[in-house]
Amino acid sequence: MTDLVGRTSVGVMQVLELDEAVARGLDVPPGATRALISVDGKARWRDDGMPPTASQGHSMVDEYMFYGGPLTTIKFIAQAGPDAVVTASFYR
């Protein structure tokens, strides 16, 4: 959690219906520059402007990451299996 020391929380969002058909992005609050993103289940993500697929992109399985890249372009999709849930806490 040292990546968030001295930062101010500016919001939280949860993607509850992440599935294998459609990649979903985040609703980024104004001023957010970093995020703590967790995945419950199996998901993939990309932040290069291309949507991930169930078989392409960075895999996350029941884990979290600190993210300081382009918050408005990161997208998530569920991998095979039960739908995944993505939660993001935003900071400036």
PDB file of N, CA and C in Angstrom:
ATOM      1  N   MET A   1       0.800  -1.188   0.000  1.00  0.00           N
ATOM      2  CA  MET A   1       0.000   0.000   0.000  1.00  0.00           C
ATOM      3  C   MET A   1       0.851   1.263   0.000  1.00  0.00           C
ATOM      4  N   THR A   2       2.164   1.128  -0.035  1.00  0.00           N
ATOM      5  CA  THR A   2       3.016   2.313  -0.009  1.00  0.00           C
ATOM      6  C   THR A   2       2.823   3.185  -1.246  1.00  0.00           C
ATOM      7  N   ASP A   3       2.287   2.624  -2.341  1.00  0.00           N
ATOM      8  CA  ASP A   3       2.021   3.421  -3.538  1.00  0.00           C
ATOM      9  C   ASP A   3       0.950   4.474  -3.289  1.00  0.00           C
ATOM     10  N   LEU A   4       0.181   4.351  -2.211  1.00  0.00           N
ATOM     11  CA  LEU A   4      -0.922   5.262  -1.949  1.00  0.00           C
ATOM     12  C   LEU A   4      -0.659   6.211  -0.785  1.00  0.00           C
ATOM     13  N   VAL A   5       0.509   6.117  -0.147  1.00  0.00           N
ATOM     14  CA  VAL A   5       0.838   6.984   0.975  1.00  0.00           C
ATOM     15  C   VAL A   5       0.807   8.442   0.510  1.00  0.00           C
ATOM     16  N   GLY A   6       0.072   9.273   1.241  1.00  0.00           N
ATOM     17  CA  GLY A   6      -0.016  10.691   0.928  1.00  0.00           C
ATOM     18  C   GLY A   6      -1.019  11.035  -0.167  1.00  0.00           C
ATOM     19  N   ARG A   7      -1.689  10.063  -0.713  1.00  0.00           N
ATOM     20  CA  ARG A   7      -2.681  10.308  -1.773  1.00  0.00           C
ATOM     21  C   ARG A   7      -4.061  10.506  -1.155  1.00  0.00           C
ATOM     22  N   THR A   8      -4.930  11.188  -1.895  1.00  0.00           N
ATOM     23  CA  THR A   8      -6.292  11.461  -1.453  1.00  0.00           C
ATOM     24  C   THR A   8      -7.267  10.620  -2.256  1.00  0.00           C
ATOM     25  N   SER A   9      -8.177   9.932  -1.569  1.00  0.00           N
ATOM     26  CA  SER A   9      -9.199   9.140  -2.248  1.00  0.00           C
ATOM     27  C   SER A   9     -10.193  10.074  -2.940  1.00  0.00           C
ATOM     28  N   VAL A  10     -10.520   9.742  -4.198  1.00  0.00           N
ATOM     29  CA  VAL A  10     -11.483  10.564  -4.943  1.00  0.00           C
ATOM     30  C   VAL A  10     -12.660   9.747  -5.469  1.00  0.00           C
ATOM     31  N   GLY A  11     -12.778   8.485  -5.064  1.00  0.00           N
ATOM     32  CA  GLY A  11     -13.938   7.701  -5.480  1.00  0.00           C
ATOM     33  C   GLY A  11     -13.665   6.215  -5.577  1.00  0.00           C
ATOM     34  N   VAL A  12     -14.762   5.456  -5.683  1.00  0.00           N
ATOM     35  CA  VAL A  12     -14.715   4.005  -5.810  1.00  0.00           C
ATOM     36  C   VAL A  12     -15.771   3.582  -6.816  1.00  0.00           C
ATOM     37  N   MET A  13     -15.488   2.548  -7.592  1.00  0.00           N
ATOM     38  CA  MET A  13     -16.503   1.972  -8.477  1.00  0.00           C
ATOM     39  C   MET A  13     -16.343   0.471  -8.499  1.00  0.00           C
ATOM     40  N   GLN A  14     -17.439  -0.215  -8.791  1.00  0.00           N
ATOM     41  CA  GLN A  14     -17.409  -1.669  -8.894  1.00  0.00           C
ATOM     42  C   GLN A  14     -18.131  -2.085 -10.167  1.00  0.00           C
ATOM     43  N   VAL A  15     -17.471  -2.951 -10.952  1.00  0.00           N
ATOM     44  CA  VAL A  15     -18.077  -3.520 -12.154  1.00  0.00           C
ATOM     45  C   VAL A  15     -18.591  -4.897 -11.747  1.00  0.00           C
ATOM     46  N   LEU A  16     -19.908  -5.022 -11.608  1.00  0.00           N
ATOM     47  CA  LEU A  16     -20.497  -6.251 -11.091  1.00  0.00           C
ATOM     48  C   LEU A  16     -20.813  -7.273 -12.167  1.00  0.00           C
ATOM     49  N   GLU A  17     -21.020  -6.842 -13.392  1.00  0.00           N
ATOM     50  CA  GLU A  17     -21.465  -7.757 -14.431  1.00  0.00           C
ATOM     51  C   GLU A  17     -20.424  -7.935 -15.528  1.00  0.00           C
ATOM     52  N   LEU A  18     -19.192  -8.145 -15.145  1.00  0.00           N
ATOM     53  CA  LEU A  18     -18.134  -8.391 -16.113  1.00  0.00           C
ATOM     54  C   LEU A  18     -18.320  -9.789 -16.683  1.00  0.00           C
ATOM     55  N   ASP A  19     -18.386  -9.908 -18.006  1.00  0.00           N
ATOM     56  CA  ASP A  19     -18.567 -11.223 -18.619  1.00  0.00           C
ATOM     57  C   ASP A  19     -17.578 -11.406 -19.757  1.00  0.00           C
ATOM     58  N   GLU A  20     -17.704 -12.508 -20.501  1.00  0.00           N
ATOM     59  CA  GLU A  20     -16.768 -12.838 -21.580  1.00  0.00           C
ATOM     60  C   GLU A  20     -17.116 -12.186 -22.905  1.00  0.00           C
ATOM     61  N   ALA A  21     -18.230 -11.482 -22.990  1.00  0.00           N
ATOM     62  CA  ALA A  21     -18.693 -10.955 -24.268  1.00  0.00           C
ATOM     63  C   ALA A  21     -18.250  -9.519 -24.553  1.00  0.00           C
ATOM     64  N   VAL A  22     -18.233  -8.661 -23.535  1.00  0.00           N
ATOM     65  CA  VAL A  22     -17.987  -7.232 -23.760  1.00  0.00           C
ATOM     66  C   VAL A  22     -16.968  -6.714 -22.751  1.00  0.00           C
ATOM     67  N   ALA A  23     -15.917  -6.046 -23.254  1.00  0.00           N
ATOM     68  CA  ALA A  23     -14.932  -5.416 -22.379  1.00  0.00           C
ATOM     69  C   ALA A  23     -15.548  -4.157 -21.775  1.00  0.00           C
ATOM     70  N   ARG A  24     -15.235  -3.911 -20.498  1.00  0.00           N
ATOM     71  CA  ARG A  24     -15.780  -2.754 -19.796  1.00  0.00           C
ATOM     72  C   ARG A  24     -14.650  -1.910 -19.246  1.00  0.00           C
ATOM     73  N   GLY A  25     -14.858  -0.594 -19.299  1.00  0.00           N
ATOM     74  CA  GLY A  25     -13.900   0.343 -18.743  1.00  0.00           C
ATOM     75  C   GLY A  25     -14.331   0.814 -17.365  1.00  0.00           C
ATOM     76  N   LEU A  26     -13.591   1.774 -16.839  1.00  0.00           N
ATOM     77  CA  LEU A  26     -13.868   2.331 -15.519  1.00  0.00           C
ATOM     78  C   LEU A  26     -14.480   3.720 -15.652  1.00  0.00           C
ATOM     79  N   ASP A  27     -15.363   4.075 -14.728  1.00  0.00           N
ATOM     80  CA  ASP A  27     -15.891   5.441 -14.632  1.00  0.00           C
ATOM     81  C   ASP A  27     -14.944   6.204 -13.721  1.00  0.00           C
ATOM     82  N   VAL A  28     -14.013   6.923 -14.330  1.00  0.00           N
ATOM     83  CA  VAL A  28     -12.931   7.571 -13.587  1.00  0.00           C
ATOM     84  C   VAL A  28     -13.396   8.932 -13.074  1.00  0.00           C
ATOM     85  N   PRO A  29     -13.298   9.170 -11.759  1.00  0.00           N
ATOM     86  CA  PRO A  29     -13.683  10.466 -11.212  1.00  0.00           C
ATOM     87  C   PRO A  29     -12.691  11.560 -11.634  1.00  0.00           C
ATOM     88  N   PRO A  30     -13.146  12.791 -11.723  1.00  0.00           N
ATOM     89  CA  PRO A  30     -12.241  13.902 -12.059  1.00  0.00           C
ATOM     90  C   PRO A  30     -11.087  13.986 -11.064  1.00  0.00           C
ATOM     91  N   GLY A  31      -9.899  14.197 -11.579  1.00  0.00           N
ATOM     92  CA  GLY A  31      -8.720  14.361 -10.741  1.00  0.00           C
ATOM     93  C   GLY A  31      -7.991  13.079 -10.394  1.00  0.00           C
ATOM     94  N   ALA A  32      -8.566  11.930 -10.708  1.00  0.00           N
ATOM     95  CA  ALA A  32      -7.917  10.659 -10.369  1.00  0.00           C
ATOM     96  C   ALA A  32      -6.698  10.431 -11.256  1.00  0.00           C
ATOM     97  N   THR A  33      -5.591  10.033 -10.635  1.00  0.00           N
ATOM     98  CA  THR A  33      -4.362   9.744 -11.376  1.00  0.00           C
ATOM     99  C   THR A  33      -3.826   8.342 -11.102  1.00  0.00           C
ATOM    100  N   ARG A  34      -4.347   7.687 -10.075  1.00  0.00           N
ATOM    101  CA  ARG A  34      -3.925   6.348  -9.693  1.00  0.00           C
ATOM    102  C   ARG A  34      -5.157   5.548  -9.268  1.00  0.00           C
ATOM    103  N   ALA A  35      -5.017   4.223  -9.293  1.00  0.00           N
ATOM    104  CA  ALA A  35      -6.107   3.375  -8.825  1.00  0.00           C
ATOM    105  C   ALA A  35      -5.562   2.110  -8.175  1.00  0.00           C
ATOM    106  N   LEU A  36      -6.275   1.649  -7.182  1.00  0.00           N
ATOM    107  CA  LEU A  36      -6.077   0.328  -6.617  1.00  0.00           C
ATOM    108  C   LEU A  36      -7.202  -0.510  -7.214  1.00  0.00           C
ATOM    109  N   ILE A  37      -6.848  -1.498  -8.046  1.00  0.00           N
ATOM    110  CA  ILE A  37      -7.833  -2.289  -8.776  1.00  0.00           C
ATOM    111  C   ILE A  37      -7.732  -3.736  -8.315  1.00  0.00           C
ATOM    112  N   SER A  38      -8.881  -4.295  -7.927  1.00  0.00           N
ATOM    113  CA  SER A  38      -8.906  -5.706  -7.528  1.00  0.00           C
ATOM    114  C   SER A  38      -9.885  -6.470  -8.409  1.00  0.00           C
ATOM    115  N   VAL A  39      -9.582  -7.745  -8.586  1.00  0.00           N
ATOM    116  CA  VAL A  39     -10.439  -8.645  -9.361  1.00  0.00           C
ATOM    117  C   VAL A  39     -10.785  -9.832  -8.485  1.00  0.00           C
ATOM    118  N   ASP A  40     -12.081 -10.089  -8.353  1.00  0.00           N
ATOM    119  CA  ASP A  40     -12.573 -11.312  -7.720  1.00  0.00           C
ATOM    120  C   ASP A  40     -13.024 -12.209  -8.854  1.00  0.00           C
ATOM    121  N   GLY A  41     -12.325 -13.300  -9.068  1.00  0.00           N
ATOM    122  CA  GLY A  41     -12.587 -14.169 -10.203  1.00  0.00           C
ATOM    123  C   GLY A  41     -11.442 -14.086 -11.194  1.00  0.00           C
ATOM    124  N   LYS A  42     -11.723 -14.378 -12.466  1.00  0.00           N
ATOM    125  CA  LYS A  42     -10.703 -14.385 -13.513  1.00  0.00           C
ATOM    126  C   LYS A  42     -11.046 -13.334 -14.562  1.00  0.00           C
ATOM    127  N   ALA A  43     -10.107 -12.404 -14.786  1.00  0.00           N
ATOM    128  CA  ALA A  43     -10.326 -11.357 -15.783  1.00  0.00           C
ATOM    129  C   ALA A  43      -9.034 -11.094 -16.548  1.00  0.00           C
ATOM    130  N   ARG A  44      -9.170 -10.424 -17.674  1.00  0.00           N
ATOM    131  CA  ARG A  44      -8.024  -9.929 -18.446  1.00  0.00           C
ATOM    132  C   ARG A  44      -8.205  -8.437 -18.641  1.00  0.00           C
ATOM    133  N   TRP A  45      -7.062  -7.732 -18.802  1.00  0.00           N
ATOM    134  CA  TRP A  45      -7.139  -6.295 -19.030  1.00  0.00           C
ATOM    135  C   TRP A  45      -6.115  -5.857 -20.056  1.00  0.00           C
ATOM    136  N   ARG A  46      -6.430  -4.733 -20.698  1.00  0.00           N
ATOM    137  CA  ARG A  46      -5.510  -4.050 -21.617  1.00  0.00           C
ATOM    138  C   ARG A  46      -5.706  -2.556 -21.431  1.00  0.00           C
ATOM    139  N   ASP A  47      -4.637  -1.798 -21.689  1.00  0.00           N
ATOM    140  CA  ASP A  47      -4.739  -0.345 -21.575  1.00  0.00           C
ATOM    141  C   ASP A  47      -4.157   0.373 -22.786  1.00  0.00           C
ATOM    142  N   ASP A  48      -4.050  -0.342 -23.901  1.00  0.00           N
ATOM    143  CA  ASP A  48      -3.455   0.243 -25.108  1.00  0.00           C
ATOM    144  C   ASP A  48      -4.502   0.719 -26.115  1.00  0.00           C
ATOM    145  N   GLY A  49      -5.754   0.800 -25.698  1.00  0.00           N
ATOM    146  CA  GLY A  49      -6.811   1.237 -26.599  1.00  0.00           C
ATOM    147  C   GLY A  49      -7.525   0.101 -27.312  1.00  0.00           C
ATOM    148  N   MET A  50      -6.983  -1.096 -27.238  1.00  0.00           N
ATOM    149  CA  MET A  50      -7.619  -2.270 -27.830  1.00  0.00           C
ATOM    150  C   MET A  50      -8.360  -3.026 -26.726  1.00  0.00           C
ATOM    151  N   PRO A  51      -9.526  -3.573 -27.020  1.00  0.00           N
ATOM    152  CA  PRO A  51     -10.244  -4.307 -25.971  1.00  0.00           C
ATOM    153  C   PRO A  51      -9.601  -5.675 -25.722  1.00  0.00           C
ATOM    154  N   PRO A  52      -9.552  -6.097 -24.469  1.00  0.00           N
ATOM    155  CA  PRO A  52      -9.081  -7.451 -24.190  1.00  0.00           C
ATOM    156  C   PRO A  52     -10.140  -8.448 -24.644  1.00  0.00           C
ATOM    157  N   THR A  53      -9.744  -9.692 -24.773  1.00  0.00           N
ATOM    158  CA  THR A  53     -10.690 -10.781 -25.029  1.00  0.00           C
ATOM    159  C   THR A  53     -10.531 -11.787 -23.903  1.00  0.00           C
ATOM    160  N   ALA A  54     -11.356 -12.805 -23.899  1.00  0.00           N
ATOM    161  CA  ALA A  54     -11.260 -13.830 -22.858  1.00  0.00           C
ATOM    162  C   ALA A  54      -9.944 -14.589 -22.917  1.00  0.00           C
ATOM    163  N   SER A  55      -9.206 -14.465 -24.043  1.00  0.00           N
ATOM    164  CA  SER A  55      -7.924 -15.166 -24.171  1.00  0.00           C
ATOM    165  C   SER A  55      -6.742 -14.239 -24.439  1.00  0.00           C
ATOM    166  N   GLN A  56      -6.962 -12.928 -24.575  1.00  0.00           N
ATOM    167  CA  GLN A  56      -5.870 -11.986 -24.846  1.00  0.00           C
ATOM    168  C   GLN A  56      -5.913 -10.829 -23.859  1.00  0.00           C
ATOM    169  N   GLY A  57      -4.747 -10.440 -23.396  1.00  0.00           N
ATOM    170  CA  GLY A  57      -4.613  -9.366 -22.425  1.00  0.00           C
ATOM    171  C   GLY A  57      -3.916  -9.896 -21.180  1.00  0.00           C
ATOM    172  N   HIS A  58      -3.656  -9.001 -20.248  1.00  0.00           N
ATOM    173  CA  HIS A  58      -3.003  -9.377 -18.992  1.00  0.00           C
ATOM    174  C   HIS A  58      -4.012 -10.073 -18.097  1.00  0.00           C
ATOM    175  N   SER A  59      -3.632 -11.210 -17.568  1.00  0.00           N
ATOM    176  CA  SER A  59      -4.525 -11.993 -16.730  1.00  0.00           C
ATOM    177  C   SER A  59      -4.440 -11.549 -15.273  1.00  0.00           C
ATOM    178  N   MET A  60      -5.593 -11.486 -14.620  1.00  0.00           N
ATOM    179  CA  MET A  60      -5.682 -11.260 -13.172  1.00  0.00           C
ATOM    180  C   MET A  60      -6.636 -12.303 -12.615  1.00  0.00           C
ATOM    181  N   VAL A  61      -6.219 -12.999 -11.574  1.00  0.00           N
ATOM    182  CA  VAL A  61      -7.055 -14.013 -10.944  1.00  0.00           C
ATOM    183  C   VAL A  61      -7.049 -13.770  -9.436  1.00  0.00           C
ATOM    184  N   ASP A  62      -8.171 -13.308  -8.907  1.00  0.00           N
ATOM    185  CA  ASP A  62      -8.297 -13.064  -7.467  1.00  0.00           C
ATOM    186  C   ASP A  62      -7.087 -12.318  -6.913  1.00  0.00           C
ATOM    187  N   GLU A  63      -6.812 -11.143  -7.483  1.00  0.00           N
ATOM    188  CA  GLU A  63      -5.664 -10.361  -7.033  1.00  0.00           C
ATOM    189  C   GLU A  63      -5.926  -8.871  -7.205  1.00  0.00           C
ATOM    190  N   TYR A  64      -4.942  -8.048  -6.842  1.00  0.00           N
ATOM    191  CA  TYR A  64      -5.074  -6.602  -6.992  1.00  0.00           C
ATOM    192  C   TYR A  64      -3.796  -6.027  -7.565  1.00  0.00           C
ATOM    193  N   MET A  65      -3.912  -4.784  -8.064  1.00  0.00           N
ATOM    194  CA  MET A  65      -2.738  -4.079  -8.570  1.00  0.00           C
ATOM    195  C   MET A  65      -2.904  -2.589  -8.323  1.00  0.00           C
ATOM    196  N   PHE A  66      -1.775  -1.903  -8.176  1.00  0.00           N
ATOM    197  CA  PHE A  66      -1.755  -0.452  -8.169  1.00  0.00           C
ATOM    198  C   PHE A  66      -1.540  -0.024  -9.602  1.00  0.00           C
ATOM    199  N   TYR A  67      -2.369   0.880 -10.102  1.00  0.00           N
ATOM    200  CA  TYR A  67      -2.298   1.248 -11.508  1.00  0.00           C
ATOM    201  C   TYR A  67      -2.178   2.757 -11.641  1.00  0.00           C
ATOM    202  N   GLY A  68      -1.154   3.201 -12.366  1.00  0.00           N
ATOM    203  CA  GLY A  68      -0.935   4.627 -12.587  1.00  0.00           C
ATOM    204  C   GLY A  68      -0.891   4.983 -14.054  1.00  0.00           C
ATOM    205  N   GLY A  69      -1.340   4.065 -14.895  1.00  0.00           N
ATOM    206  CA  GLY A  69      -1.374   4.303 -16.334  1.00  0.00           C
ATOM    207  C   GLY A  69      -2.629   5.059 -16.746  1.00  0.00           C
ATOM    208  N   PRO A  70      -2.986   4.982 -18.016  1.00  0.00           N
ATOM    209  CA  PRO A  70      -4.142   5.726 -18.528  1.00  0.00           C
ATOM    210  C   PRO A  70      -5.465   5.138 -18.020  1.00  0.00           C
ATOM    211  N   LEU A  71      -6.020   5.737 -16.972  1.00  0.00           N
ATOM    212  CA  LEU A  71      -7.218   5.218 -16.324  1.00  0.00           C
ATOM    213  C   LEU A  71      -8.431   5.183 -17.245  1.00  0.00           C
ATOM    214  N   THR A  72      -8.489   6.069 -18.207  1.00  0.00           N
ATOM    215  CA  THR A  72      -9.666   6.122 -19.087  1.00  0.00           C
ATOM    216  C   THR A  72      -9.607   5.110 -20.222  1.00  0.00           C
ATOM    217  N   THR A  73      -8.458   4.473 -20.445  1.00  0.00           N
ATOM    218  CA  THR A  73      -8.379   3.508 -21.539  1.00  0.00           C
ATOM    219  C   THR A  73      -8.271   2.057 -21.072  1.00  0.00           C
ATOM    220  N   ILE A  74      -8.072   1.815 -19.779  1.00  0.00           N
ATOM    221  CA  ILE A  74      -7.977   0.438 -19.307  1.00  0.00           C
ATOM    222  C   ILE A  74      -9.358  -0.221 -19.399  1.00  0.00           C
ATOM    223  N   LYS A  75      -9.365  -1.453 -19.920  1.00  0.00           N
ATOM    224  CA  LYS A  75     -10.611  -2.196 -20.079  1.00  0.00           C
ATOM    225  C   LYS A  75     -10.415  -3.616 -19.550  1.00  0.00           C
ATOM    226  N   PHE A  76     -11.512  -4.193 -19.051  1.00  0.00           N
ATOM    227  CA  PHE A  76     -11.503  -5.521 -18.443  1.00  0.00           C
ATOM    228  C   PHE A  76     -12.540  -6.416 -19.108  1.00  0.00           C
ATOM    229  N   ILE A  77     -12.260  -7.723 -19.125  1.00  0.00           N
ATOM    230  CA  ILE A  77     -13.211  -8.716 -19.607  1.00  0.00           C
ATOM    231  C   ILE A  77     -13.019  -9.980 -18.773  1.00  0.00           C
ATOM    232  N   ALA A  78     -14.093 -10.722 -18.563  1.00  0.00           N
ATOM    233  CA  ALA A  78     -13.992 -11.968 -17.802  1.00  0.00           C
ATOM    234  C   ALA A  78     -13.336 -13.050 -18.645  1.00  0.00           C
ATOM    235  N   GLN A  79     -12.573 -13.913 -17.996  1.00  0.00           N
ATOM    236  CA  GLN A  79     -12.053 -15.111 -18.632  1.00  0.00           C
ATOM    237  C   GLN A  79     -13.084 -16.210 -18.464  1.00  0.00           C
ATOM    238  N   ALA A  80     -12.802 -17.394 -18.991  1.00  0.00           N
ATOM    239  CA  ALA A  80     -13.716 -18.527 -18.873  1.00  0.00           C
ATOM    240  C   ALA A  80     -14.062 -18.787 -17.415  1.00  0.00           C
ATOM    241  N   GLY A  81     -15.291 -19.158 -17.184  1.00  0.00           N
ATOM    242  CA  GLY A  81     -15.729 -19.453 -15.834  1.00  0.00           C
ATOM    243  C   GLY A  81     -16.749 -18.444 -15.358  1.00  0.00           C
ATOM    244  N   PRO A  82     -16.995 -18.420 -14.057  1.00  0.00           N
ATOM    245  CA  PRO A  82     -17.985 -17.488 -13.514  1.00  0.00           C
ATOM    246  C   PRO A  82     -17.595 -16.040 -13.775  1.00  0.00           C
ATOM    247  N   ASP A  83     -18.591 -15.179 -13.828  1.00  0.00           N
ATOM    248  CA  ASP A  83     -18.325 -13.760 -14.052  1.00  0.00           C
ATOM    249  C   ASP A  83     -17.395 -13.210 -12.973  1.00  0.00           C
ATOM    250  N   ALA A  84     -16.530 -12.289 -13.371  1.00  0.00           N
ATOM    251  CA  ALA A  84     -15.598 -11.658 -12.448  1.00  0.00           C
ATOM    252  C   ALA A  84     -16.161 -10.320 -11.983  1.00  0.00           C
ATOM    253  N   VAL A  85     -15.689  -9.852 -10.841  1.00  0.00           N
ATOM    254  CA  VAL A  85     -16.054  -8.546 -10.301  1.00  0.00           C
ATOM    255  C   VAL A  85     -14.779  -7.719 -10.187  1.00  0.00           C
ATOM    256  N   VAL A  86     -14.804  -6.506 -10.753  1.00  0.00           N
ATOM    257  CA  VAL A  86     -13.678  -5.584 -10.670  1.00  0.00           C
ATOM    258  C   VAL A  86     -14.076  -4.426  -9.760  1.00  0.00           C
ATOM    259  N   THR A  87     -13.213  -4.103  -8.803  1.00  0.00           N
ATOM    260  CA  THR A  87     -13.428  -2.962  -7.921  1.00  0.00           C
ATOM    261  C   THR A  87     -12.221  -2.040  -8.052  1.00  0.00           C
ATOM    262  N   ALA A  88     -12.487  -0.745  -8.194  1.00  0.00           N
ATOM    263  CA  ALA A  88     -11.393   0.229  -8.317  1.00  0.00           C
ATOM    264  C   ALA A  88     -11.603   1.352  -7.318  1.00  0.00           C
ATOM    265  N   SER A  89     -10.553   1.655  -6.559  1.00  0.00           N
ATOM    266  CA  SER A  89     -10.517   2.820  -5.681  1.00  0.00           C
ATOM    267  C   SER A  89      -9.575   3.824  -6.319  1.00  0.00           C
ATOM    268  N   PHE A  90     -10.042   5.053  -6.486  1.00  0.00           N
ATOM    269  CA  PHE A  90      -9.274   6.064  -7.214  1.00  0.00           C
ATOM    270  C   PHE A  90      -8.638   7.078  -6.269  1.00  0.00           C
ATOM    271  N   TYR A  91      -7.445   7.549  -6.665  1.00  0.00           N
ATOM    272  CA  TYR A  91      -6.678   8.475  -5.845  1.00  0.00           C
ATOM    273  C   TYR A  91      -6.057   9.551  -6.726  1.00  0.00           C
ATOM    274  N   ARG A  92      -5.759  10.689  -6.097  1.00  0.00           N
ATOM    275  CA  ARG A  92      -5.008  11.744  -6.785  1.00  0.00           C
ATOM    276  C   ARG A  92      -3.749  12.041  -5.999  1.00  0.00           C
TER     277      ARG A  92
END
